[in-house]
Amino acid sequence: MAWKKVQFRGMDCIVFEGRPGSEKYPREDYFYYAMRHGESDWACPITIEKFVCANYWGLIGAPKPLSFSNEGCLELDNIEAERFAERG
């Protein structure tokens, strides 16, 4: 897997599906967050969170800090989730 560029809510972000391991974060000036997949669909992320232990999908890097709900997550709509999960 490799980092890929994705538009997210008006920002040029980068996404990595899976755990980067020894792969370096490509932008030191970005803010990085974990993404969680659903219980029944492992192919698409459903939330962005500061930390994910179970149902980990990948990482997103954003040029600005993201705002989270009181529950500590940012829910993705179907279009956003599919955009992150696109291969290629």
Protein backbone atom coordinates (compact mmCIF):
# COMPACT_ATOMS: atom_id res chain seq x y z
CA MET A 1 0.00 0.00 0.00
CA ALA A 2 1.02 3.59 -0.52
CA TRP A 3 -0.16 7.02 0.49
CA LYS A 4 -2.67 8.55 -1.93
CA LYS A 5 -4.04 12.07 -2.35
CA VAL A 6 -7.73 12.60 -1.58
CA GLN A 7 -9.98 15.66 -1.42
CA PHE A 8 -11.78 15.80 1.92
CA ARG A 9 -14.12 18.63 2.87
CA GLY A 10 -12.25 21.19 0.80
CA MET A 11 -8.75 20.09 1.85
CA ASP A 12 -5.99 18.25 0.00
CA CYS A 13 -5.44 15.26 2.30
CA ILE A 14 -3.47 12.03 2.12
CA VAL A 15 -4.74 8.57 3.06
CA PHE A 16 -3.05 5.27 3.84
CA GLU A 17 -5.17 2.11 3.96
CA GLY A 18 -3.78 -0.27 6.60
CA ARG A 19 -0.93 0.35 9.02
CA PRO A 20 2.03 2.19 7.54
CA GLY A 21 4.62 0.19 9.50
CA SER A 22 8.06 1.49 8.55
CA GLU A 23 6.58 3.72 5.81
CA LYS A 24 7.41 7.34 6.66
CA TYR A 25 4.67 9.91 6.99
CA PRO A 26 5.07 11.96 3.80
CA ARG A 27 4.17 15.33 5.31
CA GLU A 28 5.57 16.35 8.69
CA ASP A 29 3.39 19.47 8.67
CA TYR A 30 0.10 17.48 8.47
CA PHE A 31 -2.18 16.34 11.29
CA TYR A 32 -2.71 12.55 11.31
CA TYR A 33 -5.79 10.68 12.48
CA ALA A 34 -6.97 7.06 12.50
CA MET A 35 -9.91 5.78 10.45
CA ARG A 36 -12.33 3.05 11.56
CA HIS A 37 -14.26 0.61 9.35
CA GLY A 38 -17.68 -0.81 10.19
CA GLU A 39 -18.44 -4.18 11.72
CA SER A 40 -19.82 -5.68 8.51
CA ASP A 41 -17.88 -3.77 5.81
CA TRP A 42 -14.11 -3.74 6.17
CA ALA A 43 -13.57 -2.12 2.76
CA CYS A 44 -14.70 1.42 3.63
CA PRO A 45 -13.98 3.66 6.61
CA ILE A 46 -16.96 5.08 8.51
CA THR A 47 -15.30 7.45 10.99
CA ILE A 48 -12.14 9.46 11.57
CA GLU A 49 -10.88 9.46 15.16
CA LYS A 50 -7.82 10.53 17.13
CA PHE A 51 -7.11 6.89 18.02
CA VAL A 52 -8.58 3.57 16.86
CA CYS A 53 -7.81 0.18 18.38
CA ALA A 54 -10.60 -2.08 17.04
CA ASN A 55 -11.79 -2.00 13.41
CA TYR A 56 -8.78 0.01 12.29
CA TRP A 57 -8.96 0.92 8.56
CA GLY A 58 -6.08 3.35 7.98
CA LEU A 59 -4.75 6.89 8.42
CA ILE A 60 -5.63 10.30 7.08
CA GLY A 61 -3.29 13.28 7.03
CA ALA A 62 -4.84 16.75 6.84
CA PRO A 63 -3.21 20.17 6.45
CA LYS A 64 -5.42 21.59 9.25
CA PRO A 65 -6.71 20.06 12.49
CA LEU A 66 -10.08 18.28 12.12
CA SER A 67 -13.03 19.07 14.39
CA PHE A 68 -14.55 16.12 16.23
CA SER A 69 -17.99 15.57 17.76
CA ASN A 70 -18.46 15.26 21.51
CA GLU A 71 -18.11 11.49 21.01
CA GLY A 72 -14.58 12.07 19.68
CA CYS A 73 -15.20 11.07 16.08
CA LEU A 74 -16.00 12.53 12.70
CA GLU A 75 -18.58 10.49 10.77
CA LEU A 76 -18.11 10.04 7.03
CA ASP A 77 -20.94 10.05 4.53
CA ASN A 78 -21.12 7.31 1.88
CA ILE A 79 -19.47 9.42 -0.85
CA GLU A 80 -16.51 10.31 1.40
CA ALA A 81 -16.10 6.69 2.54
CA GLU A 82 -16.09 5.39 -1.04
CA ARG A 83 -13.59 8.06 -2.11
CA PHE A 84 -11.14 6.93 0.59
CA ALA A 85 -11.59 3.26 -0.32
CA GLU A 86 -11.08 3.71 -4.09
CA ARG A 87 -8.14 1.74 -5.38
CA GLY A 88 -5.73 3.17 -7.88
